[in-house]
Amino acid sequence: MGFFVYKQTIVVRADLKMGRGKIAAQSSHASLSAYNKVRKNNPEIARSWENEGQKKVVLKVNSETELYEYFQKGKDAAIPCELIRDAGHTQLEPGTVTCFAAGPWDEKELDAIFGKLKLL
């Protein structure tokens, strides 16, 4: 078994023009939701990621369609992904899909799928 470096990838819709605080809140929801999924199903990966410093990268897409495409690519690769819908209390309509998080998971697998996306 090789040495793995784990990270979490968060993908945010740039087309929504969310404020910085809103992006931070939505990304936090995604990060925690995906982490909890990994912690439940792959506790050894969650523990390793915690011990490695909880590496994350935040990337952007330009549409809801593109967000769903990348979300599906992650799921098709059997990477734990969690999609976030806004509650609609502030800037967005209720149910607006804002972002998703993938992992923590093997960095190489994440980069193979999401590596072409630009940093937020």
N, C-alpha and C. Protein backbone atom coordinates (compact mmCIF):
# COMPACT_ATOMS: atom_id res chain seq x y z
N MET A 1 0.84 -1.19 0.00
CA MET A 1 0.00 0.00 0.00
C MET A 1 0.88 1.25 0.00
N GLY A 2 0.59 2.18 -0.90
CA GLY A 2 1.40 3.39 -1.03
C GLY A 2 1.04 4.43 0.00
N PHE A 3 1.79 5.49 -0.01
CA PHE A 3 1.55 6.61 0.89
C PHE A 3 0.55 7.56 0.23
N PHE A 4 -0.49 7.90 0.94
CA PHE A 4 -1.49 8.81 0.41
C PHE A 4 -1.41 10.15 1.11
N VAL A 5 -1.63 11.20 0.33
CA VAL A 5 -1.83 12.53 0.89
C VAL A 5 -3.30 12.84 0.65
N TYR A 6 -3.98 13.23 1.70
CA TYR A 6 -5.41 13.50 1.59
C TYR A 6 -5.68 14.99 1.57
N LYS A 7 -6.70 15.36 0.82
CA LYS A 7 -7.18 16.74 0.86
C LYS A 7 -8.67 16.73 0.57
N GLN A 8 -9.25 17.88 0.73
CA GLN A 8 -10.66 18.07 0.42
C GLN A 8 -10.75 19.12 -0.67
N THR A 9 -11.62 18.87 -1.63
CA THR A 9 -11.85 19.84 -2.71
C THR A 9 -13.25 20.39 -2.55
N ILE A 10 -13.36 21.71 -2.55
CA ILE A 10 -14.65 22.40 -2.46
C ILE A 10 -14.85 23.13 -3.78
N VAL A 11 -16.00 22.92 -4.42
CA VAL A 11 -16.29 23.53 -5.71
C VAL A 11 -17.49 24.46 -5.53
N VAL A 12 -17.29 25.75 -5.88
CA VAL A 12 -18.28 26.80 -5.63
C VAL A 12 -18.75 27.40 -6.95
N ARG A 13 -20.03 27.69 -7.02
CA ARG A 13 -20.59 28.38 -8.19
C ARG A 13 -20.22 29.86 -8.15
N ALA A 14 -19.45 30.31 -9.14
CA ALA A 14 -19.05 31.72 -9.22
C ALA A 14 -20.16 32.57 -9.84
N ASP A 15 -21.07 31.94 -10.60
CA ASP A 15 -22.11 32.70 -11.29
C ASP A 15 -23.16 33.29 -10.36
N LEU A 16 -23.21 32.83 -9.11
CA LEU A 16 -24.22 33.34 -8.17
C LEU A 16 -23.85 34.69 -7.59
N LYS A 17 -22.58 35.09 -7.73
CA LYS A 17 -22.10 36.38 -7.21
C LYS A 17 -22.40 36.52 -5.71
N MET A 18 -22.15 35.43 -4.97
CA MET A 18 -22.33 35.47 -3.51
C MET A 18 -21.27 36.37 -2.89
N GLY A 19 -21.61 36.99 -1.78
CA GLY A 19 -20.63 37.77 -1.03
C GLY A 19 -19.59 36.85 -0.41
N ARG A 20 -18.48 37.42 0.01
CA ARG A 20 -17.39 36.61 0.59
C ARG A 20 -17.84 35.82 1.81
N GLY A 21 -18.63 36.45 2.67
CA GLY A 21 -19.11 35.76 3.86
C GLY A 21 -20.03 34.61 3.51
N LYS A 22 -20.87 34.81 2.50
CA LYS A 22 -21.79 33.77 2.05
C LYS A 22 -21.01 32.59 1.49
N ILE A 23 -19.98 32.88 0.69
CA ILE A 23 -19.13 31.82 0.13
C ILE A 23 -18.45 31.05 1.26
N ALA A 24 -17.96 31.78 2.26
CA ALA A 24 -17.30 31.12 3.39
C ALA A 24 -18.28 30.21 4.12
N ALA A 25 -19.49 30.68 4.35
CA ALA A 25 -20.48 29.89 5.07
C ALA A 25 -20.88 28.64 4.26
N GLN A 26 -21.14 28.82 2.98
CA GLN A 26 -21.54 27.69 2.14
C GLN A 26 -20.40 26.67 2.02
N SER A 27 -19.18 27.16 1.86
CA SER A 27 -18.02 26.26 1.78
C SER A 27 -17.84 25.50 3.08
N SER A 28 -18.09 26.16 4.20
CA SER A 28 -17.99 25.50 5.51
C SER A 28 -19.03 24.40 5.64
N HIS A 29 -20.26 24.68 5.20
CA HIS A 29 -21.30 23.65 5.22
C HIS A 29 -20.84 22.43 4.40
N ALA A 30 -20.32 22.69 3.21
CA ALA A 30 -19.89 21.60 2.32
C ALA A 30 -18.75 20.81 2.95
N SER A 31 -17.77 21.52 3.49
CA SER A 31 -16.60 20.87 4.08
C SER A 31 -17.02 19.94 5.21
N LEU A 32 -17.83 20.45 6.11
CA LEU A 32 -18.25 19.66 7.27
C LEU A 32 -19.13 18.48 6.86
N SER A 33 -20.04 18.69 5.91
CA SER A 33 -20.92 17.61 5.47
C SER A 33 -20.13 16.47 4.83
N ALA A 34 -19.20 16.81 3.95
CA ALA A 34 -18.40 15.77 3.28
C ALA A 34 -17.47 15.08 4.28
N TYR A 35 -16.88 15.85 5.18
CA TYR A 35 -16.01 15.28 6.21
C TYR A 35 -16.78 14.26 7.06
N ASN A 36 -18.00 14.63 7.46
CA ASN A 36 -18.79 13.71 8.29
C ASN A 36 -19.11 12.42 7.55
N LYS A 37 -19.34 12.51 6.25
CA LYS A 37 -19.59 11.31 5.44
C LYS A 37 -18.35 10.42 5.42
N VAL A 38 -17.19 11.03 5.22
CA VAL A 38 -15.94 10.26 5.20
C VAL A 38 -15.65 9.68 6.59
N ARG A 39 -15.86 10.48 7.63
CA ARG A 39 -15.60 10.02 8.99
C ARG A 39 -16.44 8.79 9.34
N LYS A 40 -17.67 8.76 8.85
CA LYS A 40 -18.56 7.64 9.12
C LYS A 40 -18.15 6.39 8.34
N ASN A 41 -17.82 6.55 7.06
CA ASN A 41 -17.58 5.41 6.18
C ASN A 41 -16.11 5.03 6.01
N ASN A 42 -15.21 5.98 6.22
CA ASN A 42 -13.77 5.75 6.06
C ASN A 42 -13.02 6.46 7.18
N PRO A 43 -13.22 6.02 8.43
CA PRO A 43 -12.64 6.75 9.57
C PRO A 43 -11.12 6.87 9.50
N GLU A 44 -10.44 5.89 8.92
CA GLU A 44 -8.98 5.97 8.84
C GLU A 44 -8.54 7.11 7.90
N ILE A 45 -9.29 7.36 6.84
CA ILE A 45 -8.97 8.48 5.94
C ILE A 45 -9.23 9.79 6.66
N ALA A 46 -10.35 9.89 7.36
CA ALA A 46 -10.66 11.11 8.11
C ALA A 46 -9.58 11.42 9.13
N ARG A 47 -9.13 10.39 9.85
CA ARG A 47 -8.08 10.57 10.86
C ARG A 47 -6.77 11.03 10.24
N SER A 48 -6.40 10.39 9.14
CA SER A 48 -5.15 10.78 8.46
C SER A 48 -5.22 12.22 8.00
N TRP A 49 -6.34 12.61 7.40
CA TRP A 49 -6.52 13.98 6.92
C TRP A 49 -6.41 14.97 8.08
N GLU A 50 -7.03 14.65 9.19
CA GLU A 50 -6.95 15.51 10.38
C GLU A 50 -5.49 15.67 10.81
N ASN A 51 -4.76 14.56 10.85
CA ASN A 51 -3.37 14.58 11.30
C ASN A 51 -2.44 15.28 10.32
N GLU A 52 -2.82 15.31 9.04
CA GLU A 52 -2.00 15.95 8.01
C GLU A 52 -2.26 17.46 7.92
N GLY A 53 -3.20 17.98 8.69
CA GLY A 53 -3.45 19.42 8.67
C GLY A 53 -4.71 19.84 7.92
N GLN A 54 -5.54 18.89 7.51
CA GLN A 54 -6.84 19.17 6.89
C GLN A 54 -6.72 20.03 5.63
N LYS A 55 -5.85 19.63 4.72
CA LYS A 55 -5.62 20.36 3.47
C LYS A 55 -6.92 20.48 2.67
N LYS A 56 -7.17 21.70 2.17
CA LYS A 56 -8.35 21.97 1.35
C LYS A 56 -7.97 22.86 0.18
N VAL A 57 -8.75 22.76 -0.89
CA VAL A 57 -8.63 23.68 -2.00
C VAL A 57 -10.05 24.09 -2.40
N VAL A 58 -10.24 25.37 -2.74
CA VAL A 58 -11.55 25.87 -3.14
C VAL A 58 -11.46 26.31 -4.59
N LEU A 59 -12.29 25.69 -5.41
CA LEU A 59 -12.28 25.91 -6.86
C LEU A 59 -13.61 26.50 -7.30
N LYS A 60 -13.67 26.96 -8.55
CA LYS A 60 -14.92 27.57 -9.01
C LYS A 60 -15.38 26.97 -10.33
N VAL A 61 -16.70 27.00 -10.50
CA VAL A 61 -17.35 26.69 -11.77
C VAL A 61 -18.25 27.87 -12.10
N ASN A 62 -18.71 27.94 -13.36
CA ASN A 62 -19.44 29.12 -13.80
C ASN A 62 -20.94 28.91 -14.00
N SER A 63 -21.45 27.73 -13.60
CA SER A 63 -22.89 27.49 -13.75
C SER A 63 -23.33 26.33 -12.87
N GLU A 64 -24.63 26.25 -12.69
CA GLU A 64 -25.21 25.13 -11.95
C GLU A 64 -24.96 23.83 -12.71
N THR A 65 -25.09 23.88 -14.03
CA THR A 65 -24.86 22.70 -14.87
C THR A 65 -23.45 22.17 -14.68
N GLU A 66 -22.47 23.07 -14.71
CA GLU A 66 -21.07 22.67 -14.53
C GLU A 66 -20.83 22.10 -13.13
N LEU A 67 -21.46 22.68 -12.12
CA LEU A 67 -21.34 22.17 -10.76
C LEU A 67 -21.85 20.73 -10.70
N TYR A 68 -23.01 20.48 -11.28
CA TYR A 68 -23.58 19.13 -11.28
C TYR A 68 -22.70 18.15 -12.05
N GLU A 69 -22.10 18.62 -13.16
CA GLU A 69 -21.22 17.75 -13.95
C GLU A 69 -20.04 17.27 -13.10
N TYR A 70 -19.40 18.19 -12.38
CA TYR A 70 -18.24 17.82 -11.56
C TYR A 70 -18.66 17.01 -10.34
N PHE A 71 -19.81 17.34 -9.77
CA PHE A 71 -20.33 16.56 -8.65
C PHE A 71 -20.52 15.10 -9.09
N GLN A 72 -21.12 14.92 -10.27
CA GLN A 72 -21.36 13.56 -10.78
C GLN A 72 -20.05 12.84 -11.09
N LYS A 73 -19.06 13.55 -11.62
CA LYS A 73 -17.76 12.94 -11.89
C LYS A 73 -17.14 12.43 -10.59
N GLY A 74 -17.25 13.20 -9.53
CA GLY A 74 -16.73 12.77 -8.23
C GLY A 74 -17.45 11.53 -7.74
N LYS A 75 -18.78 11.55 -7.81
CA LYS A 75 -19.57 10.40 -7.37
C LYS A 75 -19.27 9.16 -8.22
N ASP A 76 -19.11 9.36 -9.53
CA ASP A 76 -18.81 8.24 -10.42
C ASP A 76 -17.47 7.60 -10.08
N ALA A 77 -16.55 8.39 -9.53
CA ALA A 77 -15.24 7.88 -9.11
C ALA A 77 -15.27 7.33 -7.68
N ALA A 78 -16.47 7.23 -7.11
CA ALA A 78 -16.67 6.71 -5.75
C ALA A 78 -16.00 7.57 -4.68
N ILE A 79 -15.91 8.87 -4.94
CA ILE A 79 -15.39 9.82 -3.96
C ILE A 79 -16.59 10.38 -3.19
N PRO A 80 -16.52 10.38 -1.86
CA PRO A 80 -17.64 10.94 -1.08
C PRO A 80 -17.80 12.43 -1.37
N CYS A 81 -18.99 12.81 -1.84
CA CYS A 81 -19.29 14.20 -2.19
C CYS A 81 -20.60 14.61 -1.54
N GLU A 82 -20.66 15.86 -1.12
CA GLU A 82 -21.88 16.38 -0.51
C GLU A 82 -22.25 17.71 -1.16
N LEU A 83 -23.45 17.76 -1.71
CA LEU A 83 -23.98 18.93 -2.40
C LEU A 83 -24.70 19.82 -1.38
N ILE A 84 -24.53 21.13 -1.52
CA ILE A 84 -25.14 22.08 -0.57
C ILE A 84 -26.19 22.93 -1.27
N ARG A 85 -27.36 22.99 -0.64
CA ARG A 85 -28.46 23.86 -1.11
C ARG A 85 -28.68 24.92 -0.04
N ASP A 86 -28.82 26.15 -0.47
CA ASP A 86 -29.00 27.25 0.47
C ASP A 86 -30.41 27.24 1.06
N ALA A 87 -30.48 27.63 2.32
CA ALA A 87 -31.79 27.69 3.00
C ALA A 87 -32.61 28.88 2.54
N GLY A 88 -31.97 29.88 1.94
CA GLY A 88 -32.70 31.01 1.40
C GLY A 88 -33.01 32.12 2.39
N HIS A 89 -32.26 32.20 3.48
CA HIS A 89 -32.54 33.22 4.49
C HIS A 89 -31.98 34.59 4.13
N THR A 90 -30.96 34.64 3.26
CA THR A 90 -30.31 35.93 2.99
C THR A 90 -30.26 36.27 1.50
N GLN A 91 -29.19 35.86 0.81
CA GLN A 91 -28.93 36.36 -0.54
C GLN A 91 -29.57 35.56 -1.66
N LEU A 92 -29.95 34.31 -1.39
CA LEU A 92 -30.36 33.41 -2.47
C LEU A 92 -31.76 32.85 -2.24
N GLU A 93 -32.35 32.35 -3.32
CA GLU A 93 -33.65 31.69 -3.22
C GLU A 93 -33.48 30.36 -2.48
N PRO A 94 -34.47 29.94 -1.68
CA PRO A 94 -34.38 28.65 -1.00
C PRO A 94 -34.15 27.52 -2.00
N GLY A 95 -33.23 26.63 -1.65
CA GLY A 95 -32.95 25.47 -2.49
C GLY A 95 -31.89 25.70 -3.56
N THR A 96 -31.35 26.91 -3.65
CA THR A 96 -30.31 27.18 -4.65
C THR A 96 -29.08 26.33 -4.34
N VAL A 97 -28.61 25.60 -5.32
CA VAL A 97 -27.41 24.78 -5.17
C VAL A 97 -26.20 25.71 -5.29
N THR A 98 -25.38 25.76 -4.23
CA THR A 98 -24.29 26.73 -4.19
C THR A 98 -22.90 26.11 -4.40
N CYS A 99 -22.69 24.89 -3.87
CA CYS A 99 -21.36 24.30 -3.90
C CYS A 99 -21.43 22.83 -3.51
N PHE A 100 -20.29 22.17 -3.58
CA PHE A 100 -20.17 20.84 -3.02
C PHE A 100 -18.74 20.63 -2.56
N ALA A 101 -18.56 19.67 -1.68
CA ALA A 101 -17.23 19.26 -1.25
C ALA A 101 -17.04 17.80 -1.61
N ALA A 102 -15.80 17.48 -1.98
CA ALA A 102 -15.41 16.10 -2.28
C ALA A 102 -14.28 15.73 -1.32
N GLY A 103 -14.47 14.63 -0.61
CA GLY A 103 -13.44 14.18 0.32
C GLY A 103 -13.58 14.80 1.69
N PRO A 104 -12.58 14.59 2.51
CA PRO A 104 -11.18 14.28 2.21
C PRO A 104 -11.00 12.93 1.52
N TRP A 105 -10.07 12.94 0.56
CA TRP A 105 -9.81 11.76 -0.24
C TRP A 105 -8.39 11.85 -0.78
N ASP A 106 -7.96 10.82 -1.48
CA ASP A 106 -6.62 10.81 -2.06
C ASP A 106 -6.45 11.99 -3.01
N GLU A 107 -5.43 12.79 -2.74
CA GLU A 107 -5.18 14.02 -3.50
C GLU A 107 -5.04 13.74 -5.00
N LYS A 108 -4.39 12.67 -5.36
CA LYS A 108 -4.19 12.36 -6.79
C LYS A 108 -5.53 12.07 -7.49
N GLU A 109 -6.40 11.36 -6.80
CA GLU A 109 -7.72 11.07 -7.38
C GLU A 109 -8.54 12.34 -7.54
N LEU A 110 -8.49 13.21 -6.53
CA LEU A 110 -9.22 14.49 -6.62
C LEU A 110 -8.66 15.34 -7.76
N ASP A 111 -7.35 15.44 -7.85
CA ASP A 111 -6.72 16.28 -8.88
C ASP A 111 -7.03 15.76 -10.28
N ALA A 112 -7.15 14.44 -10.43
CA ALA A 112 -7.46 13.86 -11.74
C ALA A 112 -8.83 14.33 -12.24
N ILE A 113 -9.74 14.56 -11.32
CA ILE A 113 -11.10 14.97 -11.70
C ILE A 113 -11.26 16.49 -11.70
N PHE A 114 -10.75 17.15 -10.67
CA PHE A 114 -11.03 18.58 -10.48
C PHE A 114 -9.85 19.48 -10.81
N GLY A 115 -8.72 18.90 -11.20
CA GLY A 115 -7.48 19.66 -11.37
C GLY A 115 -7.50 20.74 -12.44
N LYS A 116 -8.45 20.67 -13.37
CA LYS A 116 -8.51 21.68 -14.43
C LYS A 116 -9.29 22.92 -14.02
N LEU A 117 -10.02 22.82 -12.91
CA LEU A 117 -10.80 23.98 -12.45
C LEU A 117 -9.88 25.04 -11.86
N LYS A 118 -10.29 26.30 -11.96
CA LYS A 118 -9.51 27.41 -11.44
C LYS A 118 -9.82 27.64 -9.95
N LEU A 119 -8.83 28.17 -9.24
CA LEU A 119 -9.03 28.56 -7.85
C LEU A 119 -10.09 29.65 -7.77
N LEU A 120 -10.87 29.64 -6.70
CA LEU A 120 -11.89 30.66 -6.49
C LEU A 120 -11.24 32.00 -6.24
